[in-house]
Each structure stands twice: as structure tokens, then as C-alpha cells.
Protein backbone atom coordinates (compact mmCIF):
# COMPACT_ATOMS: atom_id res chain seq x y z
CA MET A 1 -88.31 -25.44 52.93
CA ALA A 2 -85.69 -22.70 52.64
CA SER A 3 -83.53 -21.57 55.54
CA THR A 4 -81.17 -18.69 56.23
CA ALA A 5 -78.70 -21.04 57.97
CA HIS A 6 -75.83 -22.66 56.12
CA VAL A 7 -76.38 -26.01 54.43
CA ALA A 8 -73.60 -28.60 54.15
CA LEU A 9 -73.43 -31.54 51.77
CA ILE A 10 -71.02 -34.16 53.15
CA THR A 11 -70.18 -37.27 51.15
CA GLY A 12 -69.45 -40.58 52.84
CA ALA A 13 -70.86 -39.38 56.17
CA ASN A 14 -72.46 -42.53 57.57
CA HIS A 15 -69.38 -43.40 59.65
CA GLY A 16 -65.85 -42.34 60.57
CA ILE A 17 -64.61 -38.85 59.77
CA GLY A 18 -67.66 -38.02 57.66
CA ALA A 19 -70.03 -38.84 60.52
CA ALA A 20 -67.97 -36.76 62.95
CA LEU A 21 -68.06 -33.83 60.52
CA ALA A 22 -71.82 -34.12 60.14
CA GLU A 23 -72.41 -34.16 63.90
CA ARG A 24 -70.04 -31.27 64.57
CA LEU A 25 -71.43 -28.99 61.87
CA ALA A 26 -74.99 -29.80 62.90
CA ALA A 27 -74.07 -28.87 66.48
CA ASP A 28 -72.78 -25.55 65.11
CA GLY A 29 -76.17 -24.85 63.54
CA VAL A 30 -75.48 -26.02 60.00
CA ALA A 31 -78.17 -28.10 58.26
CA VAL A 32 -76.49 -31.27 57.06
CA VAL A 33 -77.11 -33.52 54.06
CA ILE A 34 -75.43 -36.87 54.63
CA THR A 35 -74.62 -38.93 51.56
CA PHE A 36 -73.58 -42.54 51.85
CA LEU A 37 -73.46 -45.93 50.15
CA SER A 38 -73.50 -49.06 52.31
CA PHE A 39 -71.62 -52.10 51.05
CA GLU A 40 -70.23 -55.45 52.13
CA ASP A 41 -66.48 -56.02 51.97
CA PRO A 42 -65.44 -59.40 50.51
CA GLU A 43 -64.62 -61.78 53.35
CA ASP A 44 -61.15 -62.60 52.00
CA GLU A 45 -60.13 -58.96 51.49
CA GLY A 46 -58.53 -58.65 54.93
CA THR A 47 -60.49 -55.56 55.98
CA PRO A 48 -60.58 -55.27 59.81
CA GLU A 49 -63.95 -56.29 61.23
CA ARG A 50 -64.65 -52.86 62.78
CA GLN A 51 -64.22 -51.27 59.37
CA ARG A 52 -66.40 -53.93 57.74
CA ASP A 53 -69.14 -53.06 60.24
CA ALA A 54 -68.77 -49.36 59.43
CA HIS A 55 -69.10 -50.01 55.70
CA ARG A 56 -72.33 -51.97 56.27
CA GLN A 57 -74.00 -49.12 58.15
CA ASP A 58 -76.62 -46.81 56.79
CA ALA A 59 -76.82 -43.26 58.16
CA SER A 60 -79.61 -43.88 60.68
CA GLY A 61 -77.30 -43.76 63.70
CA VAL A 62 -75.76 -40.45 62.66
CA LEU A 63 -79.20 -38.98 61.96
CA GLU A 64 -80.52 -40.07 65.34
CA ARG A 65 -77.60 -38.50 67.20
CA ILE A 66 -77.90 -35.22 65.28
CA ARG A 67 -81.65 -34.93 65.74
CA ALA A 68 -81.50 -35.95 69.40
CA ALA A 69 -79.10 -33.04 69.94
CA GLY A 70 -81.48 -30.63 68.22
CA GLY A 71 -79.72 -30.52 64.86
CA ARG A 72 -81.13 -30.73 61.36
CA ALA A 73 -80.09 -33.43 58.92
CA ILE A 74 -81.25 -35.73 56.16
CA ALA A 75 -79.51 -38.73 54.63
CA VAL A 76 -79.46 -39.71 50.97
CA SER A 77 -78.04 -42.98 49.66
CA GLN A 78 -76.38 -42.42 46.30
CA ASP A 79 -73.62 -44.09 44.30
CA LEU A 80 -71.18 -41.32 43.38
CA LEU A 81 -70.05 -43.35 40.35
CA ASP A 82 -73.40 -42.36 38.82
CA ALA A 83 -72.99 -38.84 37.42
CA ASP A 84 -76.76 -38.29 37.69
CA ALA A 85 -76.45 -38.64 41.47
CA ILE A 86 -74.62 -35.31 41.73
CA PRO A 87 -77.45 -32.92 40.79
CA ALA A 88 -79.90 -35.19 42.61
CA LEU A 89 -78.03 -34.63 45.87
CA PHE A 90 -78.17 -30.86 45.48
CA ASP A 91 -81.88 -31.09 44.61
CA ALA A 92 -82.55 -33.09 47.79
CA ALA A 93 -80.64 -30.55 49.87
CA GLU A 94 -82.52 -27.61 48.38
CA GLU A 95 -85.87 -29.29 48.92
CA ALA A 96 -85.11 -30.00 52.57
CA PHE A 97 -83.11 -26.97 53.69
CA GLY A 98 -82.15 -24.59 50.88
CA PRO A 99 -79.08 -24.11 48.68
CA VAL A 100 -75.85 -25.91 49.56
CA ASP A 101 -73.10 -23.47 50.52
CA VAL A 102 -70.74 -25.92 52.25
CA LEU A 103 -69.39 -28.86 50.24
CA ILE A 104 -67.23 -31.50 51.90
CA ASN A 105 -65.68 -34.15 49.68
CA ASN A 106 -65.04 -37.02 52.09
CA ALA A 107 -66.15 -40.21 50.33
CA THR A 108 -63.53 -42.54 48.90
CA GLY A 109 -63.40 -45.68 46.81
CA SER A 110 -60.30 -46.84 48.66
CA LEU A 111 -58.65 -49.97 47.39
CA GLN A 112 -55.18 -51.44 47.62
CA ASP A 113 -53.45 -51.68 44.26
CA THR A 114 -49.81 -51.80 43.31
CA PHE A 115 -47.32 -52.02 40.46
CA VAL A 116 -45.42 -54.93 42.02
CA THR A 117 -46.35 -58.56 42.52
CA SER A 118 -47.96 -58.77 45.94
CA SER A 119 -51.09 -60.50 47.18
CA ARG A 120 -51.27 -58.81 50.61
CA ASP A 121 -50.11 -55.49 52.02
CA TRP A 122 -48.36 -55.01 55.35
CA MET A 123 -51.72 -55.04 57.14
CA GLY A 124 -52.76 -58.30 55.52
CA ARG A 125 -55.26 -56.65 53.17
CA LEU A 126 -55.76 -58.03 49.70
CA GLN A 127 -53.74 -56.25 47.02
CA SER A 128 -54.06 -56.37 43.26
CA ARG A 129 -52.26 -54.93 40.28
CA VAL A 130 -53.54 -51.70 38.78
CA THR A 131 -56.54 -52.62 36.61
CA PRO A 132 -59.03 -50.68 34.49
CA SER A 133 -61.89 -51.51 36.86
CA GLY A 134 -59.90 -50.51 39.94
CA PHE A 135 -58.82 -47.27 38.31
CA ASP A 136 -62.40 -46.45 37.28
CA ARG A 137 -63.73 -47.09 40.79
CA GLN A 138 -61.03 -45.13 42.58
CA PHE A 139 -60.92 -42.14 40.26
CA GLY A 140 -64.68 -42.23 39.73
CA ILE A 141 -65.41 -41.64 43.40
CA ASP A 142 -62.44 -39.60 44.62
CA ALA A 143 -61.57 -37.51 41.57
CA ARG A 144 -64.45 -37.43 39.06
CA ALA A 145 -67.24 -37.20 41.64
CA GLY A 146 -65.27 -34.58 43.57
CA ALA A 147 -64.86 -32.52 40.41
CA LEU A 148 -68.53 -32.85 39.47
CA LEU A 149 -69.64 -31.92 42.98
CA ILE A 150 -67.49 -28.79 42.90
CA ALA A 151 -68.80 -27.93 39.43
CA GLU A 152 -72.43 -28.34 40.52
CA PHE A 153 -71.77 -26.35 43.69
CA ALA A 154 -70.20 -23.51 41.68
CA ALA A 155 -72.90 -23.48 39.00
CA ARG A 156 -75.75 -23.22 41.49
CA LEU A 157 -73.90 -20.60 43.53
CA GLN A 158 -73.49 -18.42 40.44
CA GLU A 159 -77.09 -18.96 39.32
CA ARG A 160 -78.37 -17.54 42.62
CA ASN A 161 -75.68 -14.81 42.77
CA GLY A 162 -74.28 -16.31 45.96
CA THR A 163 -71.48 -14.55 47.80
CA TRP A 164 -70.44 -17.12 50.44
CA GLY A 165 -69.25 -20.68 50.25
CA ARG A 166 -66.89 -23.32 51.60
CA ILE A 167 -65.32 -26.27 49.81
CA ILE A 168 -63.28 -28.75 51.83
CA SER A 169 -61.77 -31.94 50.44
CA LEU A 170 -60.32 -34.69 52.60
CA THR A 171 -57.06 -36.18 51.40
CA SER A 172 -54.43 -38.62 52.56
CA GLY A 173 -51.66 -37.15 50.48
CA GLY A 174 -50.51 -38.73 47.27
CA GLU A 175 -48.80 -35.79 45.60
CA ARG A 176 -45.48 -37.65 45.85
CA GLY A 177 -46.92 -41.13 45.44
CA PHE A 178 -48.75 -43.58 47.68
CA PRO A 179 -47.02 -46.99 47.65
CA GLY A 180 -49.36 -49.93 48.08
CA GLU A 181 -52.41 -47.82 47.21
CA VAL A 182 -51.18 -46.16 44.05
CA SER A 183 -54.55 -45.36 42.48
CA TYR A 184 -55.88 -44.05 45.79
CA GLY A 185 -52.94 -41.68 46.10
CA ALA A 186 -53.25 -40.53 42.50
CA ALA A 187 -56.99 -39.93 42.81
CA LYS A 188 -56.53 -37.93 46.01
CA ALA A 189 -53.83 -35.85 44.30
CA ALA A 190 -56.32 -35.10 41.51
CA LEU A 191 -59.00 -34.12 44.03
CA VAL A 192 -56.59 -31.78 45.79
CA ASN A 193 -55.69 -30.17 42.45
CA TYR A 194 -59.36 -29.60 41.63
CA THR A 195 -59.81 -28.05 45.07
CA MET A 196 -56.85 -25.73 44.63
CA SER A 197 -58.20 -24.63 41.24
CA ALA A 198 -61.54 -23.88 42.89
CA SER A 199 -59.79 -21.70 45.46
CA PHE A 200 -58.51 -19.46 42.66
CA GLU A 201 -61.53 -19.50 40.37
CA LEU A 202 -64.24 -19.08 43.02
CA GLY A 203 -62.50 -16.73 45.44
CA ARG A 204 -64.18 -13.65 43.97
CA LEU A 205 -67.52 -15.29 44.70
CA GLY A 206 -66.71 -15.44 48.41
CA VAL A 207 -65.81 -19.12 48.33
CA THR A 208 -62.86 -20.60 50.19
CA ALA A 209 -61.50 -24.00 49.15
CA ASN A 210 -59.04 -26.08 51.14
CA ALA A 211 -57.88 -29.67 51.50
CA VAL A 212 -57.46 -31.27 54.91
CA HIS A 213 -54.93 -34.08 55.34
CA PRO A 214 -55.84 -35.88 58.58
CA PRO A 215 -53.28 -37.90 60.52
CA VAL A 216 -53.75 -41.64 60.96
CA THR A 217 -57.33 -41.62 62.26
CA ASP A 218 -59.22 -44.46 63.89
CA THR A 219 -62.18 -44.94 61.59
CA GLY A 220 -62.24 -48.71 62.06
CA TRP A 221 -59.16 -49.75 60.14
CA VAL A 222 -56.58 -49.03 62.86
CA THR A 223 -55.16 -52.19 64.44
CA ASP A 224 -52.62 -52.67 67.23
CA ASP A 225 -49.90 -52.99 64.57
CA VAL A 226 -50.94 -49.63 63.11
CA ARG A 227 -50.84 -48.00 66.54
CA ASP A 228 -47.37 -49.39 67.15
CA ALA A 229 -46.19 -48.04 63.78
CA VAL A 230 -47.62 -44.59 64.53
CA GLU A 231 -45.95 -44.47 67.94
CA LYS A 232 -42.58 -45.13 66.30
CA ASN A 233 -43.05 -42.50 63.58
CA ASP A 234 -42.04 -38.95 64.46
CA ALA A 235 -44.32 -37.58 61.73
CA PHE A 236 -47.36 -38.26 63.94
CA PHE A 237 -48.37 -37.26 67.45
CA SER A 238 -50.62 -40.30 67.92
CA VAL A 239 -53.59 -42.02 66.32
CA ALA A 240 -56.33 -39.39 66.06
CA GLU A 241 -60.04 -39.63 66.63
CA PRO A 242 -62.49 -38.46 63.92
CA GLU A 243 -63.68 -35.64 66.18
CA GLU A 244 -60.20 -34.07 66.06
CA VAL A 245 -60.50 -33.76 62.29
CA SER A 246 -63.93 -32.19 62.67
CA ASP A 247 -62.39 -29.43 64.82
CA VAL A 248 -60.25 -28.30 61.87
CA VAL A 249 -63.09 -28.51 59.37
CA ALA A 250 -65.44 -26.61 61.68
CA PHE A 251 -62.89 -23.78 61.84
CA LEU A 252 -62.65 -23.63 58.04
CA VAL A 253 -66.45 -23.49 57.75
CA SER A 254 -66.77 -20.78 60.40
CA ASP A 255 -66.43 -17.06 59.83
CA ALA A 256 -63.03 -17.28 61.53
CA GLY A 257 -61.82 -19.20 58.47
CA ARG A 258 -63.07 -16.65 55.96
CA ARG A 259 -59.60 -15.76 54.63
CA VAL A 260 -58.10 -19.26 54.73
CA THR A 261 -58.10 -20.68 51.21
CA GLY A 262 -55.93 -22.60 48.75
CA ASN A 263 -54.22 -24.68 51.44
CA ILE A 264 -53.45 -28.33 52.10
CA ILE A 265 -53.76 -28.43 55.88
CA ARG A 266 -51.76 -31.31 57.25
CA MET A 267 -52.57 -32.62 60.70
CA ALA A 268 -49.96 -34.54 62.70
């Protein structure tokens, strides 16, 4: 069922920042396609319990809140490590609402890996050395899937002679390294680079492409120790809530953000 309204595909939107983005854009009148993959963290990994609960969730809670508020949304469970999942997500969006013209790369395969000998990081989370399997998981979700999503978005836009689009990728930095999560930082740096390339190559098609670097945001992993560290660090105002990130993304999606492209927008 086609629609004249904008359609957003948001990866990893069953909890945290992704869920906040889905609810905000739906409130702004955008039809939302939520992608997610529920999983169980190993008990000995040291993941905070609130974050473990978030990872177990499907997208039913987000869908209920959106629909109760009068918004339009569907949820699709897909493993972004499967390349065939990418066109399938766009097909599902087109069947439900029409062509995707807002792409938000939010999902991550976050893991803690390092080049030094260390079994736990400063938060008590399990760390491992860089391994082929860890690299494949991290880059497969953050970098390869992000690139394939952008490529599919661009191909379908050109096929229909589209003249409007938004690409937004969430990052945590990594351009200068990410100690303790080295593959995560490297994969995010790759995703940002893909996004910047898209800003140049797709600009003439009416597409803006930006990366948003949220501050420390309470998506379930923030502990009292993390809050104390943030309070002592002048680089941050405070621990943010996911809804604060959605304010920035909503601006980039809106017509007010029509000339904002090729930026890494850092929040404090």
C-alpha cells in the first residue's frame, strides 16, 4: 500500500536510541520500518542486566507505543550478517508503506576486543583479543551491512527517479582509535566513511547523508561508575537520554535539514 508520506528504515530499533528514533519519526508523520534481532548475552560476559533485558526484547513494545499514538510502523526481524536480508527489508517496507527514503544505520554488533592481554574492561565486561570471528561480526553488522543498506537505498532511489532522501548513520567515533573496543571503533569509522561518500555521490539526487555521534547515552549499559566518569569529564554535559539523540535526527530528516550534509555531528 503506497503512501505519499516519508518512509524510514531504522536498524536495531527495538530498544535504546533506535526505539527512540522510531517513536519520534512516527510522531512526526513518518512511516517506520523497525528492524531488530533479539539475542541473549552470555551470563559471564559482564553485560549490565538492564542491557541484557533490552537485547532480549522484540519490537512489540515499540510498535504498541507508536500505534497507540496514531503512528504507522511495522517490525521485521532480520540478521544483518545475512546479505539477503538487505533487499528483503526494503521489499517489506515497500509492501507496507512505499519506497524507503529515510535510512538510519543504528544497529551494531558491539563487542569488547583489544590488542593487549586483558580479560575484563574497566566496566567488568568480558574482553578478548582481536579474532577473525569477532572481526567478521563487528564489521559485518556495522560496516558491511551499513554499506549494503546505503547501496540498496541508492539503487532503488535511482530506479524510481527519486529526488529526496536522508541517510543518517549513528557512530561512537573511532576515527582516531577506540581502545578496549578496537574492532567496534574501526567498524564505526568505516561506516562514517561510507556515509560521507554517500553525501558526495548522492547529493545531486536530493539526498543528504550525515553521521551522528551521540554522547554517553543511557540505553541500558550506563552504571553508577559510568555516570561518575561522565560527571568528571569536561567533554560531556551529562549522561543523555535516547530521546535527546532523536531530536537531532528528527531535525536532519526534516525539511529544515535539507542543506545539512557530509557532517559528523557530535553531541556533548
